[in-house]
Amino acid sequence: MARILSIDYGLKRCGLAVTDPLQIIVTPLDTIETPQIKDFLIQYMNKEEVEEIVFGWPTHKDGNPTHITGNIKKLQLDIEKQFPNKKYSFTDESFSSVMAKQIILSSGVNKKKRRDKALVDKISAVVILQRYLNHI
């Protein structure tokens, strides 16, 4: 088996999370500045076996896509050109940042670290991937 990678896409930064090769455990991977995300993914997937990429899909409360869904779809298509044999999925990312903040708060992390938006992005990617795998 190979890893599954998730992306919490943002206009400034993208949080990333991955499963272990057996797809049992989800761990935060990194937070990457959005302009570098494509290059990072290409590099990562050339050294690690990834079978699927899961993109968090943001929607408004009425279910309509948000203003950044076009950016997410463009990234997916760009990556798919490089890696056409991978599986690409989209999953609802509603409240993933809120859940990430709650997880960080309950973990006992100090106040300064809780304000680290890069940490929130990584944990949001974990929440998205766990949701996709039906772990939560």
N, C-alpha and C. Protein backbone atom coordinates (compact mmCIF):
# COMPACT_ATOMS: atom_id res chain seq x y z
N MET A 1 0.85 -1.19 0.00
CA MET A 1 0.00 0.00 0.00
C MET A 1 0.89 1.24 0.00
N ALA A 2 0.27 2.34 -0.32
CA ALA A 2 0.99 3.61 -0.36
C ALA A 2 0.24 4.63 0.48
N ARG A 3 0.90 5.73 0.70
CA ARG A 3 0.32 6.80 1.52
C ARG A 3 -0.83 7.51 0.82
N ILE A 4 -1.68 8.12 1.65
CA ILE A 4 -2.68 9.07 1.18
C ILE A 4 -2.27 10.42 1.75
N LEU A 5 -2.28 11.43 0.92
CA LEU A 5 -1.87 12.78 1.32
C LEU A 5 -3.07 13.71 1.25
N SER A 6 -3.22 14.58 2.23
CA SER A 6 -4.31 15.55 2.18
C SER A 6 -3.77 16.96 2.18
N ILE A 7 -4.55 17.85 1.58
CA ILE A 7 -4.16 19.24 1.45
C ILE A 7 -5.28 20.13 1.95
N ASP A 8 -4.94 20.98 2.93
CA ASP A 8 -5.83 22.05 3.36
C ASP A 8 -5.34 23.31 2.63
N TYR A 9 -5.94 23.62 1.51
CA TYR A 9 -5.48 24.70 0.64
C TYR A 9 -5.90 26.06 1.17
N GLY A 10 -4.95 26.98 1.16
CA GLY A 10 -5.24 28.35 1.53
C GLY A 10 -4.56 29.29 0.57
N LEU A 11 -5.01 30.52 0.52
CA LEU A 11 -4.41 31.48 -0.40
C LEU A 11 -2.97 31.82 -0.04
N LYS A 12 -2.62 31.73 1.26
CA LYS A 12 -1.25 32.02 1.70
C LYS A 12 -0.44 30.76 1.94
N ARG A 13 -1.05 29.79 2.62
CA ARG A 13 -0.36 28.56 3.02
C ARG A 13 -1.26 27.35 2.80
N CYS A 14 -0.61 26.21 2.65
CA CYS A 14 -1.34 24.94 2.55
C CYS A 14 -0.83 24.00 3.63
N GLY A 15 -1.74 23.44 4.39
CA GLY A 15 -1.39 22.43 5.37
C GLY A 15 -1.44 21.07 4.71
N LEU A 16 -0.50 20.20 5.09
CA LEU A 16 -0.42 18.87 4.51
C LEU A 16 -0.39 17.82 5.61
N ALA A 17 -1.04 16.70 5.34
CA ALA A 17 -1.02 15.56 6.25
C ALA A 17 -0.93 14.30 5.40
N VAL A 18 -0.41 13.23 6.00
CA VAL A 18 -0.27 11.95 5.28
C VAL A 18 -0.61 10.79 6.21
N THR A 19 -0.95 9.69 5.56
CA THR A 19 -1.10 8.45 6.31
C THR A 19 0.23 7.72 6.30
N ASP A 20 0.34 6.74 7.16
CA ASP A 20 1.47 5.82 7.08
C ASP A 20 1.22 4.93 5.85
N PRO A 21 2.19 4.14 5.41
CA PRO A 21 2.00 3.31 4.21
C PRO A 21 0.83 2.32 4.32
N LEU A 22 0.48 1.92 5.54
CA LEU A 22 -0.67 1.01 5.71
C LEU A 22 -2.00 1.75 5.77
N GLN A 23 -1.95 3.07 5.72
CA GLN A 23 -3.13 3.95 5.73
C GLN A 23 -3.96 3.79 7.01
N ILE A 24 -3.25 3.67 8.13
CA ILE A 24 -3.91 3.53 9.42
C ILE A 24 -3.80 4.82 10.23
N ILE A 25 -2.61 5.38 10.29
CA ILE A 25 -2.33 6.54 11.13
C ILE A 25 -2.17 7.78 10.26
N VAL A 26 -2.80 8.88 10.67
CA VAL A 26 -2.67 10.16 9.97
C VAL A 26 -1.79 11.07 10.80
N THR A 27 -0.79 11.67 10.16
CA THR A 27 0.09 12.60 10.87
C THR A 27 0.25 13.88 10.05
N PRO A 28 0.48 15.00 10.74
CA PRO A 28 0.76 16.25 10.01
C PRO A 28 2.08 16.11 9.27
N LEU A 29 2.16 16.68 8.08
CA LEU A 29 3.39 16.60 7.30
C LEU A 29 4.14 17.93 7.32
N ASP A 30 3.48 19.00 6.86
CA ASP A 30 4.16 20.29 6.76
C ASP A 30 3.14 21.36 6.43
N THR A 31 3.60 22.59 6.49
CA THR A 31 2.84 23.73 6.00
C THR A 31 3.73 24.42 4.98
N ILE A 32 3.20 24.61 3.79
CA ILE A 32 3.97 25.14 2.68
C ILE A 32 3.30 26.42 2.18
N GLU A 33 4.12 27.42 1.86
CA GLU A 33 3.57 28.64 1.24
C GLU A 33 2.92 28.23 -0.08
N THR A 34 1.74 28.75 -0.34
CA THR A 34 0.95 28.33 -1.50
C THR A 34 1.70 28.42 -2.83
N PRO A 35 2.48 29.47 -3.09
CA PRO A 35 3.20 29.49 -4.38
C PRO A 35 4.18 28.32 -4.56
N GLN A 36 4.62 27.70 -3.47
CA GLN A 36 5.56 26.58 -3.56
C GLN A 36 4.91 25.20 -3.48
N ILE A 37 3.59 25.14 -3.35
CA ILE A 37 2.93 23.86 -3.08
C ILE A 37 3.10 22.86 -4.22
N LYS A 38 2.97 23.30 -5.45
CA LYS A 38 3.10 22.37 -6.58
C LYS A 38 4.49 21.74 -6.60
N ASP A 39 5.54 22.55 -6.48
CA ASP A 39 6.91 22.02 -6.48
C ASP A 39 7.13 21.07 -5.31
N PHE A 40 6.60 21.43 -4.13
CA PHE A 40 6.75 20.57 -2.95
C PHE A 40 6.10 19.21 -3.20
N LEU A 41 4.88 19.23 -3.75
CA LEU A 41 4.17 17.97 -3.98
C LEU A 41 4.90 17.09 -4.99
N ILE A 42 5.41 17.70 -6.03
CA ILE A 42 6.15 16.92 -7.03
C ILE A 42 7.38 16.28 -6.40
N GLN A 43 8.12 17.06 -5.63
CA GLN A 43 9.30 16.53 -4.95
C GLN A 43 8.94 15.41 -3.98
N TYR A 44 7.89 15.64 -3.18
CA TYR A 44 7.49 14.65 -2.18
C TYR A 44 7.05 13.35 -2.85
N MET A 45 6.24 13.48 -3.91
CA MET A 45 5.70 12.28 -4.55
C MET A 45 6.76 11.54 -5.38
N ASN A 46 7.84 12.20 -5.70
CA ASN A 46 8.95 11.51 -6.38
C ASN A 46 9.78 10.68 -5.41
N LYS A 47 9.71 11.01 -4.11
CA LYS A 47 10.49 10.23 -3.14
C LYS A 47 9.63 9.32 -2.25
N GLU A 48 8.36 9.62 -2.09
CA GLU A 48 7.45 8.79 -1.28
C GLU A 48 6.36 8.20 -2.18
N GLU A 49 5.96 7.02 -1.86
CA GLU A 49 4.88 6.39 -2.63
C GLU A 49 3.53 6.90 -2.10
N VAL A 50 2.85 7.66 -2.94
CA VAL A 50 1.55 8.24 -2.61
C VAL A 50 0.55 7.70 -3.63
N GLU A 51 -0.51 7.11 -3.14
CA GLU A 51 -1.49 6.55 -4.08
C GLU A 51 -2.66 7.50 -4.32
N GLU A 52 -2.89 8.42 -3.38
CA GLU A 52 -4.06 9.30 -3.51
C GLU A 52 -3.78 10.64 -2.84
N ILE A 53 -4.34 11.69 -3.45
CA ILE A 53 -4.30 13.02 -2.85
C ILE A 53 -5.74 13.46 -2.59
N VAL A 54 -5.99 13.87 -1.36
CA VAL A 54 -7.31 14.32 -0.95
C VAL A 54 -7.24 15.83 -0.72
N PHE A 55 -8.05 16.56 -1.42
CA PHE A 55 -8.12 18.01 -1.28
C PHE A 55 -9.32 18.38 -0.41
N GLY A 56 -9.10 19.24 0.56
CA GLY A 56 -10.22 19.79 1.30
C GLY A 56 -11.01 20.68 0.36
N TRP A 57 -12.32 20.52 0.34
CA TRP A 57 -13.18 21.26 -0.58
C TRP A 57 -14.06 22.22 0.22
N PRO A 58 -13.74 23.51 0.17
CA PRO A 58 -14.49 24.48 0.97
C PRO A 58 -15.82 24.88 0.31
N THR A 59 -16.84 24.92 1.12
CA THR A 59 -18.15 25.36 0.63
C THR A 59 -18.76 26.34 1.62
N HIS A 60 -19.68 27.14 1.08
CA HIS A 60 -20.45 28.03 1.95
C HIS A 60 -21.50 27.19 2.69
N LYS A 61 -22.17 27.79 3.66
CA LYS A 61 -23.17 27.05 4.43
C LYS A 61 -24.29 26.51 3.56
N ASP A 62 -24.56 27.18 2.42
CA ASP A 62 -25.61 26.71 1.52
C ASP A 62 -25.13 25.60 0.57
N GLY A 63 -23.85 25.21 0.71
CA GLY A 63 -23.31 24.13 -0.11
C GLY A 63 -22.61 24.58 -1.38
N ASN A 64 -22.69 25.85 -1.71
CA ASN A 64 -22.02 26.35 -2.91
C ASN A 64 -20.52 26.49 -2.66
N PRO A 65 -19.72 26.27 -3.71
CA PRO A 65 -18.27 26.39 -3.57
C PRO A 65 -17.85 27.82 -3.21
N THR A 66 -16.71 27.95 -2.53
CA THR A 66 -16.20 29.26 -2.17
C THR A 66 -15.31 29.81 -3.29
N HIS A 67 -14.78 30.98 -3.08
CA HIS A 67 -13.96 31.65 -4.09
C HIS A 67 -12.63 30.95 -4.37
N ILE A 68 -12.19 30.05 -3.52
CA ILE A 68 -10.88 29.40 -3.77
C ILE A 68 -11.00 28.00 -4.37
N THR A 69 -12.20 27.54 -4.61
CA THR A 69 -12.32 26.18 -5.17
C THR A 69 -11.72 26.10 -6.57
N GLY A 70 -11.76 27.19 -7.33
CA GLY A 70 -11.12 27.21 -8.64
C GLY A 70 -9.61 27.01 -8.53
N ASN A 71 -9.00 27.63 -7.51
CA ASN A 71 -7.56 27.47 -7.27
C ASN A 71 -7.24 26.02 -6.93
N ILE A 72 -8.09 25.41 -6.12
CA ILE A 72 -7.88 24.02 -5.71
C ILE A 72 -7.97 23.09 -6.92
N LYS A 73 -8.97 23.30 -7.74
CA LYS A 73 -9.16 22.47 -8.93
C LYS A 73 -7.98 22.64 -9.90
N LYS A 74 -7.48 23.87 -10.04
CA LYS A 74 -6.32 24.11 -10.90
C LYS A 74 -5.08 23.36 -10.38
N LEU A 75 -4.86 23.41 -9.06
CA LEU A 75 -3.73 22.68 -8.47
C LEU A 75 -3.88 21.18 -8.74
N GLN A 76 -5.07 20.67 -8.54
CA GLN A 76 -5.32 19.24 -8.76
C GLN A 76 -5.00 18.87 -10.21
N LEU A 77 -5.45 19.66 -11.16
CA LEU A 77 -5.20 19.37 -12.58
C LEU A 77 -3.71 19.46 -12.91
N ASP A 78 -3.02 20.45 -12.33
CA ASP A 78 -1.57 20.59 -12.55
C ASP A 78 -0.81 19.37 -12.02
N ILE A 79 -1.18 18.92 -10.83
CA ILE A 79 -0.52 17.75 -10.25
C ILE A 79 -0.87 16.49 -11.04
N GLU A 80 -2.11 16.41 -11.49
CA GLU A 80 -2.54 15.24 -12.25
C GLU A 80 -1.77 15.11 -13.57
N LYS A 81 -1.36 16.22 -14.15
CA LYS A 81 -0.55 16.17 -15.38
C LYS A 81 0.79 15.48 -15.10
N GLN A 82 1.37 15.75 -13.93
CA GLN A 82 2.65 15.14 -13.54
C GLN A 82 2.48 13.69 -13.11
N PHE A 83 1.36 13.40 -12.46
CA PHE A 83 1.11 12.07 -11.89
C PHE A 83 -0.29 11.59 -12.29
N PRO A 84 -0.46 11.19 -13.56
CA PRO A 84 -1.80 10.81 -14.03
C PRO A 84 -2.33 9.51 -13.44
N ASN A 85 -1.48 8.69 -12.84
CA ASN A 85 -1.93 7.40 -12.31
C ASN A 85 -2.34 7.43 -10.85
N LYS A 86 -2.35 8.61 -10.26
CA LYS A 86 -2.77 8.75 -8.85
C LYS A 86 -4.28 8.97 -8.80
N LYS A 87 -4.84 8.73 -7.65
CA LYS A 87 -6.26 9.00 -7.42
C LYS A 87 -6.36 10.38 -6.78
N TYR A 88 -7.35 11.16 -7.21
CA TYR A 88 -7.56 12.51 -6.68
C TYR A 88 -8.99 12.60 -6.17
N SER A 89 -9.12 13.04 -4.92
CA SER A 89 -10.44 13.13 -4.29
C SER A 89 -10.61 14.48 -3.63
N PHE A 90 -11.85 14.82 -3.41
CA PHE A 90 -12.20 16.06 -2.73
C PHE A 90 -13.14 15.70 -1.59
N THR A 91 -12.93 16.33 -0.44
CA THR A 91 -13.81 16.06 0.69
C THR A 91 -14.14 17.35 1.41
N ASP A 92 -15.30 17.40 1.98
CA ASP A 92 -15.78 18.59 2.68
C ASP A 92 -14.81 18.98 3.79
N GLU A 93 -14.42 20.23 3.80
CA GLU A 93 -13.50 20.68 4.84
C GLU A 93 -14.19 21.59 5.86
N SER A 94 -15.52 21.58 5.87
CA SER A 94 -16.26 22.45 6.78
C SER A 94 -15.78 22.29 8.22
N PHE A 95 -15.50 23.41 8.83
CA PHE A 95 -15.12 23.51 10.25
C PHE A 95 -13.81 22.78 10.59
N SER A 96 -13.01 22.43 9.58
CA SER A 96 -11.75 21.74 9.89
C SER A 96 -10.80 22.66 10.67
N SER A 97 -10.79 23.95 10.37
CA SER A 97 -9.93 24.88 11.12
C SER A 97 -10.41 25.05 12.55
N VAL A 98 -11.72 25.08 12.73
CA VAL A 98 -12.29 25.20 14.08
C VAL A 98 -11.92 23.96 14.89
N MET A 99 -12.06 22.78 14.28
CA MET A 99 -11.70 21.55 14.96
C MET A 99 -10.21 21.51 15.28
N ALA A 100 -9.39 21.98 14.33
CA ALA A 100 -7.94 22.00 14.54
C ALA A 100 -7.58 22.89 15.73
N LYS A 101 -8.21 24.04 15.82
CA LYS A 101 -7.94 24.95 16.95
C LYS A 101 -8.34 24.31 18.27
N GLN A 102 -9.45 23.58 18.27
CA GLN A 102 -9.89 22.90 19.49
C GLN A 102 -8.91 21.79 19.88
N ILE A 103 -8.42 21.06 18.89
CA ILE A 103 -7.45 19.99 19.15
C ILE A 103 -6.18 20.58 19.75
N ILE A 104 -5.71 21.66 19.16
CA ILE A 104 -4.48 22.31 19.64
C ILE A 104 -4.68 22.83 21.06
N LEU A 105 -5.82 23.46 21.31
CA LEU A 105 -6.11 23.98 22.65
C LEU A 105 -6.15 22.86 23.68
N SER A 106 -6.82 21.77 23.34
CA SER A 106 -6.96 20.67 24.30
C SER A 106 -5.66 19.89 24.49
N SER A 107 -4.69 20.08 23.60
CA SER A 107 -3.43 19.36 23.73
C SER A 107 -2.49 19.99 24.74
N GLY A 108 -2.85 21.16 25.24
CA GLY A 108 -2.03 21.81 26.25
C GLY A 108 -0.89 22.64 25.70
N VAL A 109 -0.92 22.92 24.41
CA VAL A 109 0.12 23.73 23.78
C VAL A 109 0.04 25.15 24.34
N ASN A 110 1.21 25.79 24.53
CA ASN A 110 1.22 27.14 25.10
C ASN A 110 0.57 28.15 24.16
N LYS A 111 0.25 29.32 24.70
CA LYS A 111 -0.51 30.33 23.97
C LYS A 111 0.19 30.79 22.70
N LYS A 112 1.49 30.97 22.77
CA LYS A 112 2.25 31.42 21.60
C LYS A 112 2.14 30.40 20.47
N LYS A 113 2.29 29.13 20.79
CA LYS A 113 2.22 28.06 19.79
C LYS A 113 0.80 27.93 19.22
N ARG A 114 -0.23 28.18 20.06
CA ARG A 114 -1.61 28.11 19.59
C ARG A 114 -1.91 29.16 18.54
N ARG A 115 -1.16 30.25 18.54
CA ARG A 115 -1.37 31.32 17.54
C ARG A 115 -0.65 31.03 16.23
N ASP A 116 0.11 29.97 16.18
CA ASP A 116 0.86 29.61 14.99
C ASP A 116 -0.10 29.09 13.91
N LYS A 117 -0.35 29.92 12.91
CA LYS A 117 -1.32 29.55 11.86
C LYS A 117 -0.84 28.36 11.04
N ALA A 118 0.47 28.20 10.92
CA ALA A 118 1.00 27.05 10.19
C ALA A 118 0.62 25.74 10.89
N LEU A 119 0.64 25.75 12.22
CA LEU A 119 0.23 24.57 12.98
C LEU A 119 -1.25 24.28 12.75
N VAL A 120 -2.07 25.31 12.76
CA VAL A 120 -3.50 25.14 12.51
C VAL A 120 -3.72 24.54 11.12
N ASP A 121 -2.97 25.00 10.12
CA ASP A 121 -3.12 24.48 8.76
C ASP A 121 -2.77 22.99 8.69
N LYS A 122 -1.68 22.60 9.36
CA LYS A 122 -1.29 21.18 9.35
C LYS A 122 -2.34 20.31 10.04
N ILE A 123 -2.81 20.78 11.18
CA ILE A 123 -3.82 19.99 11.92
C ILE A 123 -5.13 19.96 11.15
N SER A 124 -5.46 21.04 10.45
CA SER A 124 -6.66 21.03 9.60
C SER A 124 -6.55 19.97 8.53
N ALA A 125 -5.35 19.82 7.95
CA ALA A 125 -5.14 18.77 6.94
C ALA A 125 -5.32 17.39 7.56
N VAL A 126 -4.90 17.22 8.81
CA VAL A 126 -5.11 15.95 9.52
C VAL A 126 -6.60 15.69 9.68
N VAL A 127 -7.35 16.71 10.09
CA VAL A 127 -8.80 16.57 10.28
C VAL A 127 -9.47 16.19 8.95
N ILE A 128 -9.07 16.85 7.88
CA ILE A 128 -9.63 16.55 6.56
C ILE A 128 -9.37 15.10 6.17
N LEU A 129 -8.14 14.64 6.37
CA LEU A 129 -7.80 13.27 5.99
C LEU A 129 -8.49 12.25 6.89
N GLN A 130 -8.57 12.54 8.18
CA GLN A 130 -9.28 11.64 9.08
C GLN A 130 -10.76 11.56 8.72
N ARG A 131 -11.32 12.70 8.37
CA ARG A 131 -12.74 12.73 7.96
C ARG A 131 -12.92 11.88 6.69
N TYR A 132 -12.01 12.06 5.75
CA TYR A 132 -12.08 11.31 4.49
C TYR A 132 -12.00 9.81 4.75
N LEU A 133 -11.12 9.41 5.66
CA LEU A 133 -10.96 7.99 5.98
C LEU A 133 -12.00 7.48 6.97
N ASN A 134 -12.92 8.36 7.35
CA ASN A 134 -13.97 8.04 8.31
C ASN A 134 -13.41 7.66 9.68
N HIS A 135 -12.28 8.27 10.04
CA HIS A 135 -11.71 8.07 11.38
C HIS A 135 -12.41 8.93 12.42
N ILE A 136 -13.07 9.99 11.96
CA ILE A 136 -13.81 10.85 12.91
C ILE A 136 -15.22 11.05 12.41
